[in-house]
Amino acid sequence: MGELRDYINRGDNIFLVGIGGISMCALADMLRSMGASVRGSDMRDSETVSRLRRDGIEVFIGHDPANIEGAACVIRTAAVHDDNPEIMAARAAGIPVFERAEAWGEIMGDFGQSLCIAGTHGKTTTTAMAVQIALEAGLDPTAMIGGVLPSIGSEHRIGGRDLIIAEACEYRNSFLQFRPTVAVILNIEEDHPDFFSGLDEIMRSFRRFAELVPDSGAVVANADNENVMKCLEGIGRNVITYGIENGDVRAENIEVSGGCCSFDIVHPGGLIPVTLKQLGRHNVYNALAAAASALELGIDGISIGRGLSEFAGTRRRFEFKGIYRGAPIYDDYAHHPTELGALFDAAESMDYDRIIAVFQPHTYSRTKALFNDFVHQLERPDHVILIPIYAAREADDGTVSSEMLADAVGHNCVAVGSIEEAAERLREIVRKGDLVLTIGAGEAYRAGEAIAEPHQKPQRINDH
């Protein structure tokens, strides 16, 4: 098998299976900027696919062995398995198949600095914050983010070769293919039960990620997260800590007013005043991680403060979707109980009469493994509408369902059969003074979009 670097350098035809995914779309643009010829396939049309086509990249809808004709090598996303027709055809023809994370790791070798941001929660927001700070500092970062950053109008940016800022996902140990010079670990919790056997295995994976950092680099770690600190014991790397209670970089004088969160970032070199447009203690932690990373990269405090204060959030992270009967509708990507808890904390601080949530659980394995934790969080809103579990990469084995979850939550929770039914239920119960949340990594947002009244201008969270 040839090295991926050889195919890129020769400008060969590289075929991407699952090209419509956020990281794969960014990879397609990156490979093309390096001189490769890029084509790909995906299961369905999407906004991302349309954008790729507008940029001149051929995208097939559906997976067919004929699609890979002429490809020198194939790159697949983690969600594409060995039984995919294109993967099977490539291997039968002797065409090398590489993993998406492997490709990104190879590309990172071209950069002077690689800032890779990992953690069970908060990766996308923190990565986006770090990119915003770098831009404010006048740098030209290449970026790969898990969501759209409004200031660049995309989830990725092709910049110079001095710095790449990338979201690093632990699923299937993907981030172990990366080459971080600065590795960030935001938090560690049990997740992805379809791959990891439990928390111990997850922590071993994160430790291996931290060990990828060279002696000249640094690990930026959440000092208030017990699992992170345990994971890094005796790591033998330069560790920079941050936190609210502990850390080299800390948040002090935290105040919430007018829908904003103000605080001082205190670090060994001084103090940085920040006013975040995002509510929630979790976003203070995200900002601290981005700031600590930026300081390690040599970015000045003024740029850090301005970058964080100008940060407008990312798409699908408490994103305003519209208004119905005077009630604002927000969408959020939260799909883990801890993320639900942070979301509800922020929502409860906004002083609405009622919180009405539409939630779509994401994957059967996660719903089953964290069932009681989901129940605990879903008891908090005044009304909860559950839509069928988003299967993603899994098959339904009949052992868990949204109906079972609704029964366990109790009186404030009902399971419906479709997104359309969820929208109809919202029309029946929503009134002025309510806050409507559509939640999940799947398609719950469609219920909010279905009821949003036309001609309503988007507003930030602090407009309330």
Protein backbone atom coordinates (compact mmCIF):
# COMPACT_ATOMS: atom_id res chain seq x y z
CA MET A 1 0.00 0.00 0.00
CA GLY A 2 1.33 3.40 -0.93
CA GLU A 3 1.60 6.19 1.62
CA LEU A 4 -1.26 8.68 1.65
CA ARG A 5 1.30 11.46 1.39
CA ASP A 6 2.43 10.09 -1.98
CA TYR A 7 -1.10 10.23 -3.40
CA ILE A 8 -1.54 13.81 -2.21
CA ASN A 9 1.83 14.98 -3.52
CA ARG A 10 1.22 13.46 -6.95
CA GLY A 11 -2.19 15.14 -7.26
CA ASP A 12 -3.88 11.77 -7.60
CA ASN A 13 -7.64 11.17 -7.68
CA ILE A 14 -8.73 10.64 -4.06
CA PHE A 15 -12.26 9.36 -3.37
CA LEU A 16 -13.98 10.24 -0.05
CA VAL A 17 -16.71 7.90 1.21
CA GLY A 18 -19.08 9.90 3.44
CA ILE A 19 -17.92 13.20 1.97
CA GLY A 20 -21.00 15.07 3.27
CA GLY A 21 -19.87 14.91 6.90
CA ILE A 22 -18.47 18.06 8.46
CA SER A 23 -14.94 16.75 8.90
CA MET A 24 -14.93 15.03 5.50
CA CYS A 25 -16.10 18.19 3.73
CA ALA A 26 -13.22 20.06 5.35
CA LEU A 27 -10.86 17.27 4.33
CA ALA A 28 -12.04 17.48 0.72
CA ASP A 29 -11.25 21.18 0.57
CA MET A 30 -7.93 20.65 2.34
CA LEU A 31 -6.81 17.89 -0.03
CA ARG A 32 -7.78 19.96 -3.04
CA SER A 33 -5.82 22.95 -1.71
CA MET A 34 -2.80 20.62 -1.54
CA GLY A 35 -3.16 19.69 -5.20
CA ALA A 36 -5.14 16.45 -5.09
CA SER A 37 -8.13 15.71 -7.31
CA VAL A 38 -11.14 14.97 -5.09
CA ARG A 39 -14.48 13.20 -5.61
CA GLY A 40 -16.77 11.47 -3.15
CA SER A 41 -20.09 9.95 -2.18
CA ASP A 42 -22.68 10.26 0.55
CA MET A 43 -25.96 8.62 1.48
CA ARG A 44 -28.06 11.75 0.99
CA ASP A 45 -28.10 15.25 -0.39
CA SER A 46 -27.40 18.01 2.12
CA GLU A 47 -26.34 21.62 2.40
CA THR A 48 -22.74 20.41 2.67
CA VAL A 49 -23.03 18.30 -0.48
CA SER A 50 -24.51 21.25 -2.37
CA ARG A 51 -21.63 23.46 -1.28
CA LEU A 52 -19.06 20.89 -2.39
CA ARG A 53 -20.72 20.69 -5.80
CA ARG A 54 -20.76 24.47 -6.12
CA ASP A 55 -17.03 24.37 -5.47
CA GLY A 56 -16.57 21.94 -8.35
CA ILE A 57 -16.25 18.67 -6.41
CA GLU A 58 -18.20 15.75 -7.88
CA VAL A 59 -20.42 14.03 -5.30
CA PHE A 60 -22.43 10.86 -5.88
CA ILE A 61 -25.56 10.20 -3.84
CA GLY A 62 -25.63 6.58 -2.72
CA HIS A 63 -22.78 4.09 -2.52
CA ASP A 64 -22.02 2.13 -5.68
CA PRO A 65 -18.84 0.27 -6.68
CA ALA A 66 -18.87 2.12 -10.01
CA ASN A 67 -18.39 5.44 -8.20
CA ILE A 68 -14.75 4.73 -7.31
CA GLU A 69 -13.64 4.11 -10.89
CA GLY A 70 -10.37 5.95 -11.50
CA ALA A 71 -9.59 6.49 -7.81
CA ALA A 72 -5.97 6.06 -6.72
CA CYS A 73 -6.99 5.72 -3.08
CA VAL A 74 -10.08 5.96 -0.88
CA ILE A 75 -10.62 7.76 2.44
CA ARG A 76 -13.61 6.87 4.60
CA THR A 77 -15.26 8.44 7.60
CA ALA A 78 -15.54 6.51 10.88
CA ALA A 79 -19.25 5.84 10.27
CA VAL A 80 -18.50 3.87 7.07
CA HIS A 81 -17.87 0.20 7.76
CA ASP A 82 -16.17 -2.63 5.90
CA ASP A 83 -19.41 -3.83 4.29
CA ASN A 84 -19.88 -0.56 2.40
CA PRO A 85 -20.05 -1.39 -1.35
CA GLU A 86 -17.41 1.18 -2.27
CA ILE A 87 -15.01 0.00 0.44
CA MET A 88 -15.49 -3.61 -0.62
CA ALA A 89 -14.91 -2.70 -4.28
CA ALA A 90 -11.78 -0.70 -3.46
CA ARG A 91 -10.23 -3.55 -1.53
CA ALA A 92 -11.15 -6.08 -4.20
CA ALA A 93 -9.39 -3.88 -6.77
CA GLY A 94 -6.34 -3.35 -4.57
CA ILE A 95 -7.09 0.33 -4.05
CA PRO A 96 -5.74 1.52 -0.66
CA VAL A 97 -8.35 2.57 1.93
CA PHE A 98 -7.39 5.14 4.56
CA GLU A 99 -9.30 6.45 7.58
CA ARG A 100 -10.44 10.07 7.81
CA ALA A 101 -8.48 10.64 11.02
CA GLU A 102 -5.38 9.11 9.43
CA ALA A 103 -5.64 11.64 6.62
CA TRP A 104 -5.96 14.56 9.02
CA GLY A 105 -3.00 13.27 11.01
CA GLU A 106 -0.89 13.14 7.86
CA ILE A 107 -1.93 16.68 6.95
CA MET A 108 -1.09 17.99 10.43
CA GLY A 109 2.53 17.08 9.80
CA ASP A 110 2.68 20.04 7.39
CA PHE A 111 1.89 22.59 10.11
CA GLY A 112 4.17 24.36 12.52
CA GLN A 113 1.64 24.06 15.37
CA SER A 114 -1.34 21.73 15.74
CA LEU A 115 -3.89 22.64 18.40
CA CYS A 116 -6.17 19.62 18.87
CA ILE A 117 -9.17 19.97 21.19
CA ALA A 118 -10.69 16.84 22.75
CA GLY A 119 -13.21 15.98 25.46
CA THR A 120 -16.56 14.31 25.95
CA HIS A 121 -18.32 17.68 25.82
CA GLY A 122 -17.59 21.16 24.53
CA LYS A 123 -15.21 20.33 21.67
CA THR A 124 -17.01 22.28 18.97
CA THR A 125 -17.57 25.44 21.02
CA THR A 126 -14.02 25.48 22.38
CA THR A 127 -12.49 24.85 18.95
CA ALA A 128 -14.58 27.67 17.50
CA MET A 129 -13.54 29.99 20.34
CA ALA A 130 -9.87 29.17 19.70
CA VAL A 131 -10.29 29.94 16.00
CA GLN A 132 -12.00 33.25 16.80
CA ILE A 133 -9.13 34.19 19.11
CA ALA A 134 -6.52 33.30 16.48
CA LEU A 135 -8.29 35.43 13.89
CA GLU A 136 -8.55 38.33 16.34
CA ALA A 137 -4.78 38.04 16.87
CA GLY A 138 -4.20 38.46 13.14
CA LEU A 139 -3.16 34.86 12.56
CA ASP A 140 -4.12 32.82 9.50
CA PRO A 141 -5.22 29.49 11.00
CA THR A 142 -6.42 26.46 9.13
CA ALA A 143 -9.41 25.15 11.07
CA MET A 144 -11.61 22.08 11.32
CA ILE A 145 -14.63 22.65 13.59
CA GLY A 146 -17.62 20.42 14.33
CA GLY A 147 -20.09 23.23 13.62
CA VAL A 148 -20.44 26.41 11.59
CA LEU A 149 -18.62 29.44 13.01
CA PRO A 150 -20.61 32.51 11.85
CA SER A 151 -17.58 34.77 11.53
CA ILE A 152 -16.13 32.53 8.80
CA GLY A 153 -19.47 31.22 7.49
CA SER A 154 -18.28 27.63 7.57
CA GLU A 155 -17.19 24.74 9.76
CA HIS A 156 -13.69 24.86 8.30
CA ARG A 157 -11.11 27.31 7.05
CA ILE A 158 -8.15 26.78 4.75
CA GLY A 159 -5.44 29.14 5.96
CA GLY A 160 -1.66 29.16 6.21
CA ARG A 161 0.62 26.35 7.33
CA ASP A 162 1.77 27.88 10.62
CA LEU A 163 -1.24 26.75 12.68
CA ILE A 164 -4.06 24.23 12.42
CA ILE A 165 -6.85 24.19 15.02
CA ALA A 166 -8.86 20.98 14.96
CA GLU A 167 -11.64 19.32 16.88
CA ALA A 168 -10.41 15.89 18.01
CA CYS A 169 -13.01 13.15 18.59
CA GLU A 170 -12.31 10.09 20.71
CA TYR A 171 -14.89 7.86 18.97
CA ARG A 172 -13.14 4.77 17.56
CA ASN A 173 -9.90 6.30 18.87
CA SER A 174 -9.88 8.65 15.88
CA PHE A 175 -7.87 11.33 17.67
CA LEU A 176 -4.97 8.91 18.17
CA GLN A 177 -4.14 9.46 14.49
CA PHE A 178 -3.66 13.21 15.05
CA ARG A 179 -0.34 14.98 15.64
CA PRO A 180 -1.00 17.59 18.33
CA THR A 181 1.69 19.98 19.49
CA VAL A 182 -0.90 21.33 21.95
CA ALA A 183 -3.55 18.84 23.11
CA VAL A 184 -6.59 20.04 25.06
CA ILE A 185 -8.65 17.72 27.27
CA LEU A 186 -11.85 19.46 28.36
CA ASN A 187 -13.51 16.66 30.35
CA ILE A 188 -13.85 12.88 30.36
CA GLU A 189 -17.07 10.95 30.90
CA GLU A 190 -18.54 7.64 29.85
CA ASP A 191 -19.86 7.78 26.29
CA HIS A 192 -19.84 5.84 23.00
CA PRO A 193 -20.78 2.51 24.62
CA ASP A 194 -20.94 0.94 21.15
CA PHE A 195 -17.14 1.23 21.00
CA PHE A 196 -15.67 1.69 24.48
CA SER A 197 -16.17 -0.97 27.16
CA GLY A 198 -16.39 1.65 29.89
CA LEU A 199 -14.81 4.67 31.53
CA ASP A 200 -11.45 2.99 32.16
CA GLU A 201 -10.95 2.30 28.46
CA ILE A 202 -12.00 5.85 27.59
CA MET A 203 -9.46 7.27 30.04
CA ARG A 204 -6.71 5.10 28.59
CA SER A 205 -7.57 6.45 25.16
CA PHE A 206 -7.36 10.06 26.34
CA ARG A 207 -4.02 9.37 28.01
CA ARG A 208 -2.65 7.98 24.76
CA PHE A 209 -3.91 11.16 23.06
CA ALA A 210 -1.99 13.30 25.57
CA GLU A 211 1.12 11.18 25.05
CA LEU A 212 1.13 12.15 21.36
CA VAL A 213 2.31 15.64 22.38
CA PRO A 214 6.07 16.11 21.88
CA ASP A 215 8.34 17.25 24.71
CA SER A 216 8.31 20.74 23.22
CA GLY A 217 4.50 20.90 23.29
CA ALA A 218 1.86 21.08 26.01
CA VAL A 219 -1.27 19.42 27.33
CA VAL A 220 -4.02 21.85 28.39
CA ALA A 221 -6.23 20.19 30.99
CA ASN A 222 -9.33 20.94 33.06
CA ALA A 223 -8.10 20.95 36.66
CA ASP A 224 -11.66 20.79 38.00
CA ASN A 225 -12.43 17.52 36.21
CA GLU A 226 -11.40 14.57 38.36
CA ASN A 227 -11.21 12.13 35.47
CA VAL A 228 -8.95 14.42 33.45
CA MET A 229 -6.54 14.87 36.34
CA LYS A 230 -6.49 11.14 37.07
CA CYS A 231 -5.91 10.39 33.40
CA LEU A 232 -2.84 12.63 33.29
CA GLU A 233 -1.13 11.51 36.50
CA GLY A 234 2.60 11.09 35.85
CA ILE A 235 2.17 11.86 32.15
CA GLY A 236 5.66 13.28 31.73
CA ARG A 237 4.49 16.18 29.58
CA ASN A 238 4.19 19.92 30.12
CA VAL A 239 0.66 20.22 31.55
CA ILE A 240 -1.11 23.58 31.75
CA THR A 241 -4.26 23.50 33.86
CA TYR A 242 -7.34 25.69 33.90
CA GLY A 243 -10.52 25.84 35.94
CA ILE A 244 -12.87 27.81 38.12
CA GLU A 245 -11.83 26.20 41.39
CA ASN A 246 -8.25 25.23 40.45
CA GLY A 247 -5.70 25.73 37.71
CA ASP A 248 -2.90 27.83 36.28
CA VAL A 249 -5.52 29.75 34.29
CA ARG A 250 -8.66 30.55 36.30
CA ALA A 251 -11.97 32.39 36.03
CA GLU A 252 -12.71 34.83 38.84
CA ASN A 253 -15.42 37.42 39.54
CA ILE A 254 -18.04 35.57 37.46
CA GLU A 255 -21.22 37.62 36.98
CA VAL A 256 -24.32 37.01 34.87
CA SER A 257 -26.26 40.05 33.69
CA GLY A 258 -28.40 40.92 30.69
CA GLY A 259 -27.97 37.50 29.16
CA CYS A 260 -24.17 37.76 29.21
CA CYS A 261 -21.53 36.19 31.43
CA SER A 262 -18.64 38.39 32.53
CA PHE A 263 -15.51 37.23 34.35
CA ASP A 264 -11.76 37.76 34.65
CA ILE A 265 -9.30 35.21 33.31
CA VAL A 266 -6.41 35.18 35.76
CA HIS A 267 -3.16 33.64 34.52
CA PRO A 268 0.52 33.84 35.50
CA GLY A 269 1.07 36.75 33.11
CA GLY A 270 -1.85 38.90 34.18
CA LEU A 271 -5.62 39.33 33.93
CA ILE A 272 -7.96 39.23 30.92
CA PRO A 273 -11.50 40.67 31.27
CA VAL A 274 -14.08 38.76 29.22
CA THR A 275 -17.79 39.19 28.49
CA LEU A 276 -19.28 36.09 26.88
CA LYS A 277 -22.48 36.19 24.85
CA GLN A 278 -23.09 32.58 25.90
CA LEU A 279 -24.60 31.65 29.24
CA GLY A 280 -23.73 28.66 31.39
CA ARG A 281 -20.87 27.55 33.61
CA HIS A 282 -19.86 25.07 30.90
CA ASN A 283 -19.13 27.94 28.53
CA VAL A 284 -16.87 29.57 31.11
CA TYR A 285 -14.87 26.34 31.11
CA ASN A 286 -14.83 26.31 27.31
CA ALA A 287 -13.55 29.88 27.24
CA LEU A 288 -10.85 29.09 29.79
CA ALA A 289 -9.65 26.15 27.70
CA ALA A 290 -9.50 28.31 24.58
CA ALA A 291 -7.69 31.07 26.48
CA ALA A 292 -5.14 28.71 28.06
CA SER A 293 -4.45 27.20 24.63
CA ALA A 294 -4.04 30.63 23.07
CA LEU A 295 -1.61 31.69 25.79
CA GLU A 296 0.46 28.58 25.09
CA LEU A 297 0.53 29.56 21.41
CA GLY A 298 1.87 32.98 22.37
CA ILE A 299 -1.28 34.99 21.68
CA ASP A 300 -1.62 38.20 23.68
CA GLY A 301 -4.27 38.78 26.34
CA ILE A 302 -5.97 41.63 24.47
CA SER A 303 -6.64 39.39 21.46
CA ILE A 304 -7.88 36.61 23.73
CA GLY A 305 -10.32 38.93 25.50
CA ARG A 306 -11.60 40.43 22.25
CA GLY A 307 -11.89 37.06 20.54
CA LEU A 308 -13.96 35.56 23.34
CA SER A 309 -16.12 38.65 23.71
CA GLU A 310 -16.80 38.74 19.95
CA PHE A 311 -17.55 35.01 19.77
CA ALA A 312 -21.14 34.60 18.58
CA GLY A 313 -21.49 30.86 19.11
CA THR A 314 -21.74 28.09 16.53
CA ARG A 315 -24.64 26.64 14.63
CA ARG A 316 -26.73 24.12 16.60
CA ARG A 317 -25.30 25.28 19.94
CA PHE A 318 -28.19 27.23 21.51
CA GLU A 319 -28.99 28.55 18.05
CA PHE A 320 -32.03 30.79 17.67
CA LYS A 321 -34.47 29.30 15.16
CA GLY A 322 -37.49 31.60 15.33
CA ILE A 323 -40.58 32.53 17.35
CA TYR A 324 -43.98 30.89 17.79
CA ARG A 325 -46.78 32.76 19.61
CA GLY A 326 -44.17 35.01 21.19
CA ALA A 327 -42.09 32.09 22.47
CA PRO A 328 -38.49 31.90 21.21
CA ILE A 329 -37.26 28.61 19.77
CA TYR A 330 -33.65 27.52 20.24
CA ASP A 331 -31.90 24.43 18.94
CA ASP A 332 -29.03 22.64 20.64
CA TYR A 333 -26.87 19.65 19.72
CA ALA A 334 -26.85 18.23 23.28
CA HIS A 335 -27.11 14.43 23.19
CA HIS A 336 -25.50 13.32 26.48
CA PRO A 337 -27.08 13.74 29.94
CA THR A 338 -24.33 16.09 31.09
CA GLU A 339 -24.90 18.27 28.03
CA LEU A 340 -28.64 18.30 28.72
CA GLY A 341 -27.91 19.39 32.27
CA ALA A 342 -25.72 22.28 31.13
CA LEU A 343 -28.35 23.32 28.58
CA PHE A 344 -31.16 23.27 31.15
CA ASP A 345 -28.99 25.21 33.63
CA ALA A 346 -28.58 27.97 31.04
CA ALA A 347 -32.26 27.88 30.09
CA GLU A 348 -33.42 28.09 33.71
CA SER A 349 -31.27 31.19 34.24
CA MET A 350 -33.21 33.02 31.52
CA ASP A 351 -36.39 33.45 33.56
CA TYR A 352 -39.03 32.11 31.17
CA ASP A 353 -42.38 30.90 32.51
CA ARG A 354 -41.98 27.38 31.15
CA ILE A 355 -39.33 25.33 29.37
CA ILE A 356 -40.69 23.04 26.65
CA ALA A 357 -38.21 20.56 25.21
CA VAL A 358 -38.32 18.35 22.13
CA PHE A 359 -35.59 15.74 22.50
CA GLN A 360 -34.39 13.05 20.13
CA PRO A 361 -32.12 10.50 21.85
CA HIS A 362 -29.03 9.70 19.79
CA THR A 363 -28.15 6.01 19.30
CA TYR A 364 -29.69 3.05 21.09
CA SER A 365 -26.46 2.13 22.86
CA ARG A 366 -26.03 5.57 24.46
CA THR A 367 -29.71 5.78 25.46
CA LYS A 368 -29.56 2.34 27.08
CA ALA A 369 -26.21 2.81 28.84
CA LEU A 370 -27.11 6.25 30.26
CA PHE A 371 -30.85 5.67 30.63
CA ASN A 372 -31.21 6.72 34.29
CA ASP A 373 -29.10 9.84 33.73
CA PHE A 374 -31.31 10.84 30.81
CA VAL A 375 -34.40 10.33 32.99
CA HIS A 376 -32.93 12.55 35.70
CA GLN A 377 -32.30 15.44 33.31
CA LEU A 378 -35.55 15.11 31.36
CA GLU A 379 -37.53 15.53 34.58
CA ARG A 380 -36.40 19.17 34.67
CA PRO A 381 -38.35 20.89 31.84
CA ASP A 382 -42.04 21.66 32.27
CA HIS A 383 -42.93 19.64 29.16
CA VAL A 384 -40.85 17.11 27.22
CA ILE A 385 -41.72 15.65 23.81
CA LEU A 386 -39.61 12.66 22.78
CA ILE A 387 -39.27 11.62 19.17
CA PRO A 388 -37.97 8.20 18.08
CA ILE A 389 -34.31 7.46 18.78
CA TYR A 390 -31.92 8.57 16.05
CA ALA A 391 -30.25 5.30 15.13
CA ALA A 392 -27.21 6.76 13.32
CA ARG A 393 -24.90 3.79 12.81
CA GLU A 394 -26.93 1.27 14.87
CA ALA A 395 -29.76 -1.23 14.47
CA ASP A 396 -32.77 -1.33 16.81
CA ASP A 397 -32.60 -4.43 19.01
CA GLY A 398 -35.86 -3.60 20.80
CA THR A 399 -34.31 -3.17 24.25
CA VAL A 400 -34.73 0.61 24.52
CA SER A 401 -37.04 3.22 23.00
CA SER A 402 -38.28 6.76 23.42
CA GLU A 403 -41.54 5.29 24.78
CA MET A 404 -39.62 3.54 27.57
CA LEU A 405 -37.81 6.76 28.35
CA ALA A 406 -41.08 8.72 28.46
CA ASP A 407 -42.64 6.17 30.82
CA ALA A 408 -39.66 6.47 33.16
CA VAL A 409 -39.66 10.28 33.11
CA GLY A 410 -43.36 10.46 33.97
CA HIS A 411 -46.11 13.04 33.84
CA ASN A 412 -44.33 15.86 32.01
CA CYS A 413 -43.08 13.66 29.17
CA VAL A 414 -44.74 12.14 26.11
CA ALA A 415 -43.31 10.10 23.23
CA VAL A 416 -44.59 10.75 19.71
CA GLY A 417 -44.04 8.83 16.51
CA SER A 418 -42.48 11.46 14.29
CA ILE A 419 -41.04 14.95 14.01
CA GLU A 420 -44.32 16.08 12.45
CA GLU A 421 -46.24 14.87 15.51
CA ALA A 422 -43.79 16.70 17.75
CA ALA A 423 -44.40 19.92 15.83
CA GLU A 424 -48.16 19.45 16.12
CA ARG A 425 -47.84 18.90 19.86
CA LEU A 426 -45.84 22.13 20.14
CA ARG A 427 -48.58 24.01 18.31
CA GLU A 428 -51.07 22.76 20.90
CA ILE A 429 -49.17 23.70 24.07
CA VAL A 430 -46.78 26.59 23.38
CA ARG A 431 -47.79 30.04 24.60
CA LYS A 432 -46.16 33.41 25.17
CA GLY A 433 -43.66 33.29 28.02
CA ASP A 434 -42.41 29.81 27.09
CA LEU A 435 -38.93 28.86 25.94
CA VAL A 436 -38.91 26.09 23.31
CA LEU A 437 -35.82 23.91 22.99
CA THR A 438 -35.23 21.37 20.23
CA ILE A 439 -32.43 19.09 21.35
CA GLY A 440 -30.28 16.31 19.96
CA ALA A 441 -27.65 15.41 17.39
CA GLY A 442 -30.27 14.15 14.93
CA GLU A 443 -33.19 16.01 13.40
CA ALA A 444 -35.16 17.42 16.34
CA TYR A 445 -34.46 20.92 15.01
CA ARG A 446 -36.98 20.26 12.25
CA ALA A 447 -39.82 20.39 14.79
CA GLY A 448 -38.84 23.93 15.75
CA GLU A 449 -38.39 25.01 12.16
CA ALA A 450 -41.85 23.63 11.33
CA ILE A 451 -43.62 25.93 13.78
CA ALA A 452 -41.40 29.03 13.57
CA GLU A 453 -43.36 31.99 12.29
CA PRO A 454 -42.04 33.59 9.08
CA HIS A 455 -40.24 36.93 8.93
CA GLN A 456 -38.75 36.64 12.40
CA LYS A 457 -35.19 37.87 12.60
CA PRO A 458 -32.68 35.63 14.42
CA GLN A 459 -31.56 36.96 17.76
CA ARG A 460 -28.73 36.11 20.08
CA ILE A 461 -29.32 34.40 23.39
CA ASN A 462 -28.71 37.72 25.19
CA ASP A 463 -31.46 39.51 23.28
CA HIS A 464 -34.05 38.19 25.78
